[in-house]
């Protein structure tokens, strides 16, 4: 049975950095699911309306599908993960096949919000960071990787991202097993690495 790890935290906090370090450390033994790919599809809405959706609210995610997919992976079945396109604020018609692995990492701002997800996770991590650092990282990322303009990023941040962070995201740190201050924190990384190795050994002994 797979070990499931949740990595949460605010936008630009360093979640992806920490996730990528674990992926590099454990290689093919890790599969990664990004919660952002489970944003609900809004094919019935024009772009102008999709731009106004509050994407930092728990209701914007199709969490039922993620729970179903995690159960499938844990039972040894591959899944067809949806693909979200940030530039058009909508899910595409493509999917990515994700194979079962010893370790499944689920990364996203609200990964620790839903109680069903919390119960499924063997390790729950919250990556914390200064708000100024987070917004600066978000601006750079959204301009470079998501084709956004600075004015649009600022408007979205002030109207939904910032208030939703304090209402929904930050409180989930209390659901975490460990809160770290950076995706580059070597001590935290070593602690999590050892814990994963321990759980993998225990799982192997249990199976044997």
Protein backbone atom coordinates (compact mmCIF):
# COMPACT_ATOMS: atom_id res chain seq x y z
CA UNK A 1 0.00 0.00 0.00
CA UNK A 2 1.28 3.47 -0.92
CA UNK A 3 2.41 6.06 1.59
CA UNK A 4 0.51 9.31 0.99
CA UNK A 5 2.13 12.64 1.83
CA UNK A 6 0.30 15.96 1.78
CA UNK A 7 2.29 19.16 1.19
CA UNK A 8 0.29 22.34 1.77
CA UNK A 9 1.00 26.03 2.30
CA UNK A 10 0.24 29.41 0.81
CA UNK A 11 0.94 30.46 -2.74
CA UNK A 12 4.68 30.84 -3.34
CA UNK A 13 5.60 29.30 0.02
CA UNK A 14 7.99 26.68 -1.35
CA UNK A 15 5.70 23.64 -1.65
CA UNK A 16 6.94 22.73 -5.12
CA UNK A 17 10.57 23.14 -4.08
CA UNK A 18 10.11 20.68 -1.21
CA UNK A 19 8.08 18.30 -3.39
CA UNK A 20 10.75 18.32 -6.10
CA UNK A 21 13.48 17.59 -3.55
CA UNK A 22 11.58 14.53 -2.33
CA UNK A 23 10.93 13.41 -5.90
CA UNK A 24 14.63 13.72 -6.70
CA UNK A 25 15.59 11.82 -3.54
CA UNK A 26 13.26 8.86 -4.06
CA UNK A 27 13.03 8.89 -7.86
CA UNK A 28 10.59 6.45 -9.44
CA UNK A 29 9.31 5.40 -6.03
CA UNK A 30 7.37 8.70 -5.95
CA UNK A 31 4.34 9.86 -7.93
CA UNK A 32 3.15 13.46 -7.55
CA UNK A 33 -0.40 14.77 -7.82
CA UNK A 34 -1.01 18.52 -8.00
CA UNK A 35 -4.29 19.56 -6.40
CA UNK A 36 -4.51 22.47 -8.88
CA UNK A 37 -5.25 19.98 -11.65
CA UNK A 38 -8.50 19.19 -9.83
CA UNK A 39 -9.98 22.66 -10.25
CA UNK A 40 -13.53 22.21 -11.50
CA UNK A 41 -14.13 22.49 -15.25
CA UNK A 42 -16.10 25.55 -16.37
CA UNK A 43 -16.64 24.88 -20.06
CA UNK A 44 -20.00 26.65 -19.89
CA UNK A 45 -18.44 29.99 -18.91
CA UNK A 46 -16.68 32.56 -21.11
CA UNK A 47 -13.11 33.52 -20.16
CA UNK A 48 -14.24 36.83 -18.67
CA UNK A 49 -16.40 34.99 -16.13
CA UNK A 50 -13.80 32.29 -15.42
CA UNK A 51 -11.30 35.01 -14.53
CA UNK A 52 -13.58 36.13 -11.70
CA UNK A 53 -13.90 32.73 -10.02
CA UNK A 54 -12.45 32.48 -6.51
CA UNK A 55 -9.83 29.78 -7.11
CA UNK A 56 -8.59 29.90 -3.53
CA UNK A 57 -11.89 28.69 -2.04
CA UNK A 58 -12.26 24.97 -1.20
CA UNK A 59 -15.41 24.77 -3.35
CA UNK A 60 -13.40 25.49 -6.50
CA UNK A 61 -11.83 22.02 -6.37
CA UNK A 62 -13.31 18.68 -7.44
CA UNK A 63 -12.09 17.01 -4.27
CA UNK A 64 -14.38 14.00 -4.67
CA UNK A 65 -12.45 13.03 -7.81
CA UNK A 66 -9.09 13.43 -6.05
CA UNK A 67 -10.22 11.20 -3.19
CA UNK A 68 -11.39 8.60 -5.70
CA UNK A 69 -8.06 8.77 -7.54
CA UNK A 70 -6.03 8.41 -4.35
CA UNK A 71 -8.02 5.33 -3.40
CA UNK A 72 -7.36 3.87 -6.85
CA UNK A 73 -3.62 4.53 -6.59
CA UNK A 74 -3.49 3.00 -3.14
CA UNK A 75 -5.16 -0.13 -4.48
CA UNK A 76 -2.57 -0.40 -7.25
CA UNK A 77 -4.52 1.13 -10.14
CA UNK A 78 -3.28 3.86 -12.48
CA UNK A 79 -5.34 7.04 -12.81
CA UNK A 80 -6.04 9.56 -15.55
CA UNK A 81 -5.33 12.86 -13.83
CA UNK A 82 -7.03 15.95 -15.30
CA UNK A 83 -4.87 18.77 -16.65
CA UNK A 84 -5.59 22.41 -15.79
CA UNK A 85 -4.57 25.34 -18.02
CA UNK A 86 -3.88 28.48 -15.94
CA UNK A 87 -3.73 30.75 -18.97
CA UNK A 88 -7.42 30.15 -19.79
CA UNK A 89 -8.61 29.37 -16.25
CA UNK A 90 -10.08 26.01 -17.22
CA UNK A 91 -9.47 22.30 -17.31
CA UNK A 92 -8.27 20.95 -20.66
CA UNK A 93 -9.55 17.86 -22.45
CA UNK A 94 -6.22 16.12 -21.81
CA UNK A 95 -5.24 13.82 -18.95
CA UNK A 96 -1.95 12.56 -17.53
CA UNK A 97 -1.58 8.94 -16.52
CA UNK A 98 -0.21 8.63 -13.00
CA UNK A 99 1.01 5.23 -11.94
CA UNK A 100 0.81 3.75 -8.46
CA UNK A 101 4.04 4.18 -6.50
CA UNK A 102 5.47 3.51 -3.04
CA UNK A 103 5.02 7.19 -2.20
CA UNK A 104 2.23 9.46 -3.44
CA UNK A 105 2.76 13.18 -2.85
CA UNK A 106 -0.29 15.45 -3.04
CA UNK A 107 0.67 19.11 -3.30
CA UNK A 108 -1.57 22.19 -3.14
CA UNK A 109 -2.64 25.17 -1.08
CA UNK A 110 -5.66 23.40 0.45
CA UNK A 111 -4.43 19.81 0.58
CA UNK A 112 -4.86 19.76 4.37
CA UNK A 113 -8.33 21.35 4.37
CA UNK A 114 -10.59 18.41 3.49
CA UNK A 115 -11.02 15.93 6.33
CA UNK A 116 -11.17 12.97 3.94
CA UNK A 117 -7.76 13.87 2.55
CA UNK A 118 -6.32 14.39 6.03
CA UNK A 119 -7.41 10.91 7.09
CA UNK A 120 -5.74 9.34 4.04
CA UNK A 121 -2.34 10.95 4.62
CA UNK A 122 0.54 9.31 6.45
CA UNK A 123 2.57 12.54 6.62
CA UNK A 124 1.09 16.04 6.56
CA UNK A 125 3.45 18.95 5.85
CA UNK A 126 2.72 22.69 5.85
CA UNK A 127 5.29 24.99 4.25
CA UNK A 128 5.14 28.45 5.80
CA UNK A 129 6.74 31.63 4.44
CA UNK A 130 6.66 35.39 4.84
CA UNK A 131 3.75 36.99 2.95
CA UNK A 132 6.01 39.42 1.07
CA UNK A 133 8.19 36.58 -0.18
CA UNK A 134 5.16 34.58 -1.27
CA UNK A 135 3.58 37.35 -3.35
CA UNK A 136 6.89 38.16 -5.04
CA UNK A 137 7.39 34.51 -5.97
CA UNK A 138 3.82 34.33 -7.24
CA UNK A 139 4.28 37.37 -9.48
CA UNK A 140 7.45 35.95 -11.03
CA UNK A 141 5.88 32.52 -11.52
CA UNK A 142 2.59 33.75 -12.98
CA UNK A 143 4.30 36.08 -15.44
CA UNK A 144 6.90 33.54 -16.57
CA UNK A 145 4.94 30.29 -16.47
CA UNK A 146 1.26 31.17 -16.71
CA UNK A 147 1.16 34.07 -19.15
CA UNK A 148 -0.40 36.52 -16.70
CA UNK A 149 0.11 40.27 -16.47
CA UNK A 150 1.17 41.99 -13.24
CA UNK A 151 -2.05 44.04 -12.96
CA UNK A 152 -4.20 40.91 -13.17
CA UNK A 153 -2.01 39.09 -10.65
CA UNK A 154 -2.25 41.99 -8.19
CA UNK A 155 -6.03 42.20 -8.53
CA UNK A 156 -6.51 38.47 -8.01
CA UNK A 157 -4.14 38.46 -5.04
CA UNK A 158 -5.90 41.29 -3.24
CA UNK A 159 -9.48 40.17 -3.94
CA UNK A 160 -9.25 36.41 -3.39
CA UNK A 161 -5.77 34.97 -2.77
CA UNK A 162 -4.86 37.04 0.29
CA UNK A 163 -8.22 36.88 2.14
CA UNK A 164 -8.70 33.18 1.35
CA UNK A 165 -5.20 32.44 2.62
CA UNK A 166 -6.07 33.75 6.07
CA UNK A 167 -9.56 32.20 6.12
CA UNK A 168 -8.88 28.75 4.67
CA UNK A 169 -5.21 28.03 3.94
CA UNK A 170 -3.22 29.21 6.97
CA UNK A 171 -5.52 27.52 9.54
CA UNK A 172 -4.70 24.15 7.97
CA UNK A 173 -1.19 24.35 9.42
CA UNK A 174 -2.77 23.04 12.61
CA UNK A 175 -3.65 19.84 10.75
CA UNK A 176 0.00 19.33 9.78
CA UNK A 177 2.41 16.91 11.45
CA UNK A 178 5.23 19.34 10.76
CA UNK A 179 5.39 23.03 9.78
CA UNK A 180 8.53 24.11 7.94
CA UNK A 181 9.68 27.64 7.12
CA UNK A 182 11.13 26.96 3.68
CA UNK A 183 11.21 24.37 0.93
CA UNK A 184 15.00 24.61 1.24
CA UNK A 185 15.13 23.74 4.95
CA UNK A 186 17.70 20.91 5.05
CA UNK A 187 16.93 19.81 8.60
CA UNK A 188 13.21 19.45 7.84
CA UNK A 189 14.04 17.62 4.61
CA UNK A 190 16.26 15.13 6.44
CA UNK A 191 13.56 14.53 9.07
CA UNK A 192 10.92 13.83 6.41
CA UNK A 193 13.33 11.69 4.35
CA UNK A 194 14.09 9.47 7.34
CA UNK A 195 10.40 9.20 8.22
CA UNK A 196 9.55 8.14 4.65
CA UNK A 197 12.32 5.53 4.70
CA UNK A 198 11.00 4.20 8.02
CA UNK A 199 7.43 3.95 6.71
CA UNK A 200 8.63 2.20 3.55
CA UNK A 201 10.53 -0.38 5.61
CA UNK A 202 7.51 -0.93 7.85
CA UNK A 203 5.26 -1.37 4.82
CA UNK A 204 7.66 -3.91 3.31
CA UNK A 205 7.79 -5.89 6.54
CA UNK A 206 3.99 -5.81 6.80
CA UNK A 207 3.62 -7.09 3.24
CA UNK A 208 6.17 -9.80 3.90
